Amino acid sequence: MELDYSLIGAKIKKRRKLLRLTQEEVAERVDISNQHMSNIERAKSIPSTEVIMKLAVVLDTTPDEFLVGSSRYPGEAWKTVADKLRPLDSRQLDLVSSFIDWVAEHKP
C-alpha cells in the first residue's frame, strides 16, 4: 500500500483546524519544531511512526484517521491502546507497527 503524504498532511491539518489548534501548539505538544509540523502538513517531510502516533494522541484521534481516512474506533477503547504506546521509543513503535500490519494481513 502506497501512502499519499500530501493527503496525510491535509488530514492532519483538517483535524488540527477542527480542534482550533495552531501548528505551533501541536508542534509543542508533539515535541517537534514548528517548521517540521508545517512540512508534514505540506508533505515536505515524511512523519515517522512515532510522530504519527503522537499527532494522533494530541489531536484526539487514531492514526487510522490520517493513514486511511477514518477512525475505526469512535469510542474511548482506542485510547487505552494509545496510552500503552506513549512510553515506547521509536524502535518499539516500529515493531508495534509491523505487528499491526501482520495482524491486518492475517485476518480470519
Protein backbone atom coordinates (compact mmCIF):
# COMPACT_ATOMS: atom_id res chain seq x y z
CA MET A 1 0.00 0.00 0.00
CA GLU A 2 1.47 3.33 -1.12
CA LEU A 3 0.92 6.22 1.28
CA ASP A 4 -0.07 9.63 -0.07
CA TYR A 5 1.77 12.03 2.23
CA SER A 6 0.04 15.10 0.80
CA LEU A 7 -3.29 13.53 1.74
CA ILE A 8 -1.99 12.55 5.19
CA GLY A 9 -0.76 16.11 5.74
CA ALA A 10 -4.12 17.51 4.67
CA LYS A 11 -5.94 15.20 7.10
CA ILE A 12 -3.66 16.25 9.95
CA LYS A 13 -4.23 19.92 9.10
CA LYS A 14 -8.02 19.40 8.88
CA ARG A 15 -8.10 17.69 12.28
CA ARG A 16 -5.89 20.39 13.82
CA LYS A 17 -8.14 23.15 12.50
CA LEU A 18 -11.26 21.28 13.66
CA LEU A 19 -9.81 21.38 17.18
CA ARG A 20 -8.87 25.05 16.69
CA LEU A 21 -5.20 24.46 17.39
CA THR A 22 -2.30 26.27 15.76
CA GLN A 23 0.62 24.48 14.16
CA GLU A 24 2.78 25.87 16.95
CA GLU A 25 0.54 24.43 19.67
CA VAL A 26 0.51 21.00 18.07
CA ALA A 27 4.25 21.06 17.37
CA GLU A 28 4.99 21.90 21.00
CA ARG A 29 2.76 19.10 22.30
CA VAL A 30 4.26 16.57 19.86
CA ASP A 31 7.78 17.82 20.65
CA ILE A 32 8.73 18.70 17.09
CA SER A 33 9.71 22.03 15.56
CA ASN A 34 7.15 24.40 14.07
CA GLN A 35 8.90 24.01 10.71
CA HIS A 36 8.66 20.21 10.86
CA MET A 37 4.93 20.48 11.66
CA SER A 38 4.43 22.80 8.71
CA ASN A 39 6.44 20.48 6.45
CA ILE A 40 4.33 17.48 7.49
CA GLU A 41 1.10 19.29 6.64
CA ARG A 42 2.52 20.35 3.26
CA ALA A 43 4.03 16.89 2.55
CA LYS A 44 7.55 18.30 2.50
CA SER A 45 8.55 15.92 5.33
CA ILE A 46 7.51 12.34 5.92
CA PRO A 47 6.47 11.86 9.56
CA SER A 48 7.90 8.92 11.46
CA THR A 49 5.64 6.31 13.01
CA GLU A 50 6.38 7.87 16.39
CA VAL A 51 5.32 11.33 15.20
CA ILE A 52 2.11 9.95 13.64
CA MET A 53 1.28 8.26 16.95
CA LYS A 54 1.97 11.44 18.91
CA LEU A 55 -0.09 13.54 16.48
CA ALA A 56 -3.00 11.13 16.89
CA VAL A 57 -2.84 11.47 20.67
CA VAL A 58 -2.52 15.28 20.59
CA LEU A 59 -5.31 15.58 18.02
CA ASP A 60 -7.51 13.13 19.96
CA THR A 61 -7.91 10.53 17.25
CA THR A 62 -6.30 7.36 15.95
CA PRO A 63 -3.55 7.07 13.34
CA ASP A 64 -6.20 5.48 11.08
CA GLU A 65 -7.77 8.88 10.57
CA PHE A 66 -4.57 10.15 8.98
CA LEU A 67 -3.45 6.98 7.22
CA VAL A 68 -6.73 5.56 5.84
CA GLY A 69 -9.21 8.34 6.37
CA SER A 70 -11.39 7.31 9.25
CA SER A 71 -11.14 6.27 12.83
CA ARG A 72 -12.30 2.71 13.24
CA TYR A 73 -12.79 3.16 16.95
CA PRO A 74 -15.04 6.16 17.54
CA GLY A 75 -15.41 5.45 21.26
CA GLU A 76 -12.85 5.51 24.02
CA ALA A 77 -11.43 1.97 23.57
CA TRP A 78 -8.58 3.06 21.29
CA LYS A 79 -7.30 5.46 23.95
CA THR A 80 -6.27 2.52 26.14
CA VAL A 81 -4.03 1.27 23.35
CA ALA A 82 -2.70 4.79 22.68
CA ASP A 83 -1.84 5.17 26.36
CA LYS A 84 0.20 1.97 26.22
CA LEU A 85 2.09 3.22 23.17
CA ARG A 86 3.08 6.60 24.62
CA PRO A 87 6.15 5.45 26.61
CA LEU A 88 7.57 3.38 23.74
CA ASP A 89 10.66 4.53 21.87
CA SER A 90 10.77 4.74 18.06
CA ARG A 91 12.24 1.24 17.68
CA GLN A 92 9.45 -0.23 19.79
CA LEU A 93 6.81 1.76 17.89
CA ASP A 94 8.19 0.43 14.60
CA LEU A 95 7.91 -3.11 15.98
CA VAL A 96 4.30 -2.48 17.10
CA SER A 97 3.51 -1.02 13.68
CA SER A 98 4.95 -4.11 11.97
CA PHE A 99 2.90 -6.36 14.24
CA ILE A 100 -0.27 -4.41 13.43
CA ASP A 101 0.50 -4.79 9.72
CA TRP A 102 0.97 -8.54 10.20
CA VAL A 103 -2.32 -8.86 12.12
CA ALA A 104 -4.16 -6.89 9.43
CA GLU A 105 -2.77 -9.18 6.73
CA HIS A 106 -3.87 -12.31 8.63
CA LYS A 107 -7.50 -11.52 9.29
CA PRO A 108 -9.70 -14.61 9.56
